[in-house]
Amino acid sequence: MTLSTEGLPDWLDPVVRAAETVQPRQLSRFLPPEDGAGRQSAVLILFGEGERGPELLLMERASSLRSHAGQPSFPGGALDPQDGDPEGDGPLRAALREAEEETGLDPSGVQLFGVLPRLYIPVSGFVVTPVLAWWREPSPVGVVDPNETARVFTVPVADLTDPAHRATAVHPSGHSGPAFLVESALVWGFTAGIIDRLLHYAGWERPWDRDRQVPLDWRS
């Protein structure tokens, strides 16, 4: 399984450049433990072309899950033995496999074009490889297993860059980070952090009010 930038739409060029140059600490202060601890996993950051232009595929995790329950996220999960070497193309295979299992995505219509540095999610112990992809031939998507996924949806990049949809999410622990209020969802945590940095390094970010805070239970 290989990466290819051939035939990508021009608007993805800034994302390609960002993936080639961004350093781990430019994405997150949480990096994989040096002792190799952590469960290897991957997420699929899938860009498509929708009715309102470029968009991203997201899903909302089932509220019954043990980790990150109810959170909007990229499709993805832990590497399985059949995915292969975590240092090789294992994360590419895992990202596509998990996306197919969670959203019904047809992987044959997806072009993988980049990989971001591996990051760490301390609360769950996952070492995550973000895999960038272009939805060359879109296929129908939706909830495959309600025990894992509550819903599957796309978000226009225009909404993600709109200052009116941006805020700082505040966790009960006091930790705060970027958030997006889109598609009746509050995207926060690891997923929002990656989107925030991608928008920034792709040059798509627009000035927004970082003092605008939202609690994680913003709808209650």
Protein backbone atom coordinates (compact mmCIF):
# COMPACT_ATOMS: atom_id res chain seq x y z
CA MET A 1 0.00 0.00 0.00
CA THR A 2 1.51 3.30 -1.11
CA LEU A 3 0.95 7.04 -0.89
CA SER A 4 0.35 9.10 -4.03
CA THR A 5 -0.24 12.79 -4.67
CA GLU A 6 -0.92 12.26 -8.36
CA GLY A 7 -4.18 13.75 -9.62
CA LEU A 8 -5.16 15.49 -6.39
CA PRO A 9 -7.29 18.66 -6.70
CA ASP A 10 -5.26 21.86 -6.51
CA TRP A 11 -6.94 22.99 -3.29
CA LEU A 12 -5.28 20.10 -1.47
CA ASP A 13 -1.77 21.36 -2.34
CA PRO A 14 -1.42 23.29 0.96
CA VAL A 15 -2.33 20.14 2.91
CA VAL A 16 0.23 18.11 0.99
CA ARG A 17 2.92 20.71 1.75
CA ALA A 18 1.94 20.84 5.41
CA ALA A 19 2.18 17.05 5.71
CA GLU A 20 5.67 17.11 4.21
CA THR A 21 7.03 19.77 6.54
CA VAL A 22 5.11 19.78 9.83
CA GLN A 23 6.96 18.63 12.94
CA PRO A 24 5.39 16.54 15.72
CA ARG A 25 5.50 19.31 18.32
CA GLN A 26 3.79 21.66 15.89
CA LEU A 27 0.76 19.37 16.06
CA SER A 28 0.61 18.43 19.73
CA ARG A 29 2.54 18.55 22.99
CA PHE A 30 1.57 14.91 23.54
CA LEU A 31 4.07 12.72 21.68
CA PRO A 32 4.53 8.93 21.80
CA PRO A 33 6.40 7.67 24.87
CA GLU A 34 10.09 7.12 24.18
CA ASP A 35 9.93 3.68 25.78
CA GLY A 36 7.59 2.47 23.03
CA ALA A 37 4.56 2.21 25.31
CA GLY A 38 1.10 2.79 23.90
CA ARG A 39 -1.24 0.97 21.56
CA GLN A 40 -0.55 1.62 17.88
CA SER A 41 -3.54 3.04 16.02
CA ALA A 42 -4.44 5.15 12.99
CA VAL A 43 -7.16 7.57 11.90
CA LEU A 44 -8.32 8.47 8.40
CA ILE A 45 -8.49 12.19 7.63
CA LEU A 46 -10.57 11.99 4.48
CA PHE A 47 -11.09 15.08 2.34
CA GLY A 48 -13.94 15.05 -0.14
CA GLU A 49 -15.71 17.46 -2.48
CA GLY A 50 -19.27 18.19 -1.39
CA GLU A 51 -22.06 20.51 -2.45
CA ARG A 52 -20.39 23.35 -0.54
CA GLY A 53 -16.84 22.58 -1.60
CA PRO A 54 -14.11 20.74 0.31
CA GLU A 55 -15.30 18.71 3.29
CA LEU A 56 -14.09 16.24 5.91
CA LEU A 57 -15.61 12.91 6.93
CA LEU A 58 -16.32 12.54 10.65
CA MET A 59 -18.27 10.17 12.85
CA GLU A 60 -19.74 10.29 16.33
CA ARG A 61 -18.68 7.46 18.59
CA ALA A 62 -21.39 5.48 20.41
CA SER A 63 -22.12 6.68 23.95
CA SER A 64 -21.64 3.14 25.26
CA LEU A 65 -17.97 2.84 24.24
CA ARG A 66 -15.30 2.49 26.92
CA SER A 67 -13.05 5.27 25.61
CA HIS A 68 -13.94 8.61 24.01
CA ALA A 69 -17.66 7.75 24.23
CA GLY A 70 -19.98 10.09 22.35
CA GLN A 71 -17.14 12.12 20.84
CA PRO A 72 -17.03 13.18 17.21
CA SER A 73 -13.88 11.77 15.67
CA PHE A 74 -12.13 10.70 12.53
CA PRO A 75 -12.76 7.06 11.56
CA GLY A 76 -9.98 4.89 12.93
CA GLY A 77 -8.79 2.53 15.60
CA ALA A 78 -6.08 0.19 16.77
CA LEU A 79 -3.84 -1.73 14.40
CA ASP A 80 -4.65 -5.44 14.05
CA PRO A 81 -1.95 -8.06 13.37
CA GLN A 82 -3.15 -8.40 9.75
CA ASP A 83 -2.51 -4.69 9.15
CA GLY A 84 1.23 -5.29 9.20
CA ASP A 85 4.20 -3.33 10.49
CA PRO A 86 3.35 -0.20 12.55
CA GLU A 87 6.59 1.28 11.21
CA GLY A 88 5.61 0.46 7.63
CA ASP A 89 2.25 0.55 5.89
CA GLY A 90 0.34 -0.90 8.85
CA PRO A 91 -1.24 2.45 9.78
CA LEU A 92 -2.40 2.95 6.17
CA ARG A 93 -4.14 -0.41 6.15
CA ALA A 94 -5.61 0.12 9.61
CA ALA A 95 -7.00 3.56 8.77
CA LEU A 96 -8.79 2.25 5.68
CA ARG A 97 -9.97 -0.95 7.36
CA GLU A 98 -11.37 0.87 10.36
CA ALA A 99 -13.07 3.49 8.15
CA GLU A 100 -14.76 0.73 6.17
CA GLU A 101 -15.85 -1.08 9.35
CA GLU A 102 -17.19 2.07 11.00
CA THR A 103 -18.74 4.01 8.10
CA GLY A 104 -19.20 1.52 5.26
CA LEU A 105 -16.73 3.50 3.17
CA ASP A 106 -15.54 1.80 -0.04
CA PRO A 107 -11.72 1.92 0.29
CA SER A 108 -11.23 1.43 -3.45
CA GLY A 109 -12.37 5.02 -4.00
CA VAL A 110 -9.90 6.48 -1.51
CA GLN A 111 -6.44 7.80 -2.43
CA LEU A 112 -3.97 8.00 0.45
CA PHE A 113 -1.61 10.93 -0.06
CA GLY A 114 0.12 11.70 3.21
CA VAL A 115 0.89 10.78 6.80
CA LEU A 116 1.27 13.16 9.72
CA PRO A 117 3.70 12.53 12.62
CA ARG A 118 2.54 10.02 15.21
CA LEU A 119 0.87 11.57 18.25
CA TYR A 120 -0.24 10.33 21.66
CA ILE A 121 -3.59 10.35 23.49
CA PRO A 122 -2.66 10.02 27.19
CA VAL A 123 -6.20 9.33 28.43
CA SER A 124 -6.52 6.15 26.32
CA GLY A 125 -2.85 5.29 25.74
CA PHE A 126 -3.15 5.27 21.95
CA VAL A 127 -0.24 6.17 19.68
CA VAL A 128 -2.03 7.59 16.63
CA THR A 129 -0.85 7.92 13.04
CA PRO A 130 -3.08 10.40 11.15
CA VAL A 131 -3.42 9.27 7.52
CA LEU A 132 -4.44 11.88 4.94
CA ALA A 133 -6.66 10.85 2.05
CA TRP A 134 -8.65 12.14 -0.91
CA TRP A 135 -12.14 10.77 -1.57
CA ARG A 136 -11.52 10.31 -5.27
CA GLU A 137 -14.69 8.28 -5.87
CA PRO A 138 -17.22 8.95 -3.10
CA SER A 139 -19.30 6.04 -1.85
CA PRO A 140 -22.34 5.91 0.44
CA VAL A 141 -21.47 6.02 4.15
CA GLY A 142 -23.47 5.56 7.32
CA VAL A 143 -23.60 3.74 10.63
CA VAL A 144 -22.49 0.12 10.28
CA ASP A 145 -22.58 -0.96 13.93
CA PRO A 146 -24.66 1.19 16.34
CA ASN A 147 -22.63 -0.28 19.20
CA GLU A 148 -19.58 1.55 17.84
CA THR A 149 -20.91 4.50 15.89
CA ALA A 150 -23.82 6.86 16.61
CA ARG A 151 -23.71 8.69 13.27
CA VAL A 152 -21.51 9.45 10.26
CA PHE A 153 -21.42 12.92 8.72
CA THR A 154 -19.39 15.30 6.58
CA VAL A 155 -18.39 18.85 7.54
CA PRO A 156 -17.60 21.52 4.94
CA VAL A 157 -14.15 23.01 5.45
CA ALA A 158 -15.86 26.40 5.05
CA ASP A 159 -17.76 25.72 8.28
CA LEU A 160 -14.60 24.63 10.09
CA THR A 161 -12.85 27.87 9.12
CA ASP A 162 -15.85 30.07 9.94
CA PRO A 163 -15.01 32.05 13.12
CA ALA A 164 -18.66 31.76 14.21
CA HIS A 165 -18.19 27.98 14.54
CA ARG A 166 -14.98 28.15 16.55
CA ALA A 167 -14.48 28.18 20.32
CA THR A 168 -12.29 26.94 23.13
CA ALA A 169 -13.65 23.82 24.83
CA VAL A 170 -13.15 23.57 28.57
CA HIS A 171 -12.91 20.13 30.18
CA PRO A 172 -14.11 19.66 33.79
CA SER A 173 -10.46 18.96 34.64
CA GLY A 174 -9.62 22.50 33.58
CA HIS A 175 -7.84 21.49 30.36
CA SER A 176 -8.85 23.59 27.38
CA GLY A 177 -8.34 23.25 23.64
CA PRO A 178 -9.76 24.24 20.25
CA ALA A 179 -13.29 23.20 19.38
CA PHE A 180 -15.71 23.41 16.47
CA LEU A 181 -19.49 23.71 16.71
CA VAL A 182 -20.61 22.09 13.45
CA GLU A 183 -23.38 19.77 12.26
CA SER A 184 -25.09 19.82 15.69
CA ALA A 185 -21.88 18.51 17.26
CA LEU A 186 -19.09 19.84 19.42
CA VAL A 187 -15.83 18.58 17.93
CA TRP A 188 -13.12 18.79 20.59
CA GLY A 189 -10.14 16.89 21.99
CA PHE A 190 -7.66 15.09 19.75
CA THR A 191 -9.80 15.42 16.59
CA ALA A 192 -10.33 19.17 16.99
CA GLY A 193 -6.63 19.64 17.74
CA ILE A 194 -5.63 17.96 14.49
CA ILE A 195 -8.21 19.93 12.46
CA ASP A 196 -7.06 23.17 14.11
CA ARG A 197 -3.41 22.55 13.23
CA LEU A 198 -4.22 21.40 9.68
CA LEU A 199 -6.22 24.56 9.03
CA HIS A 200 -3.36 26.62 10.44
CA TYR A 201 -0.50 25.03 8.51
CA ALA A 202 -2.52 24.80 5.29
CA GLY A 203 -3.07 28.56 5.50
CA TRP A 204 -6.86 28.18 5.74
CA GLU A 205 -7.29 29.44 9.29
CA ARG A 206 -9.26 32.65 9.83
CA PRO A 207 -8.95 34.82 12.95
CA TRP A 208 -11.35 33.64 15.67
CA ASP A 209 -12.22 34.51 19.25
CA ARG A 210 -10.08 32.24 21.42
CA ASP A 211 -11.71 33.72 24.53
CA ARG A 212 -15.09 32.26 23.55
CA GLN A 213 -15.44 29.21 25.79
CA VAL A 214 -17.87 26.31 25.63
CA PRO A 215 -18.32 23.53 28.21
CA LEU A 216 -18.34 19.94 26.97
CA ASP A 217 -22.03 19.68 27.96
CA TRP A 218 -22.88 22.73 25.85
CA ARG A 219 -26.22 21.28 24.69
CA SER A 220 -27.61 20.43 28.13
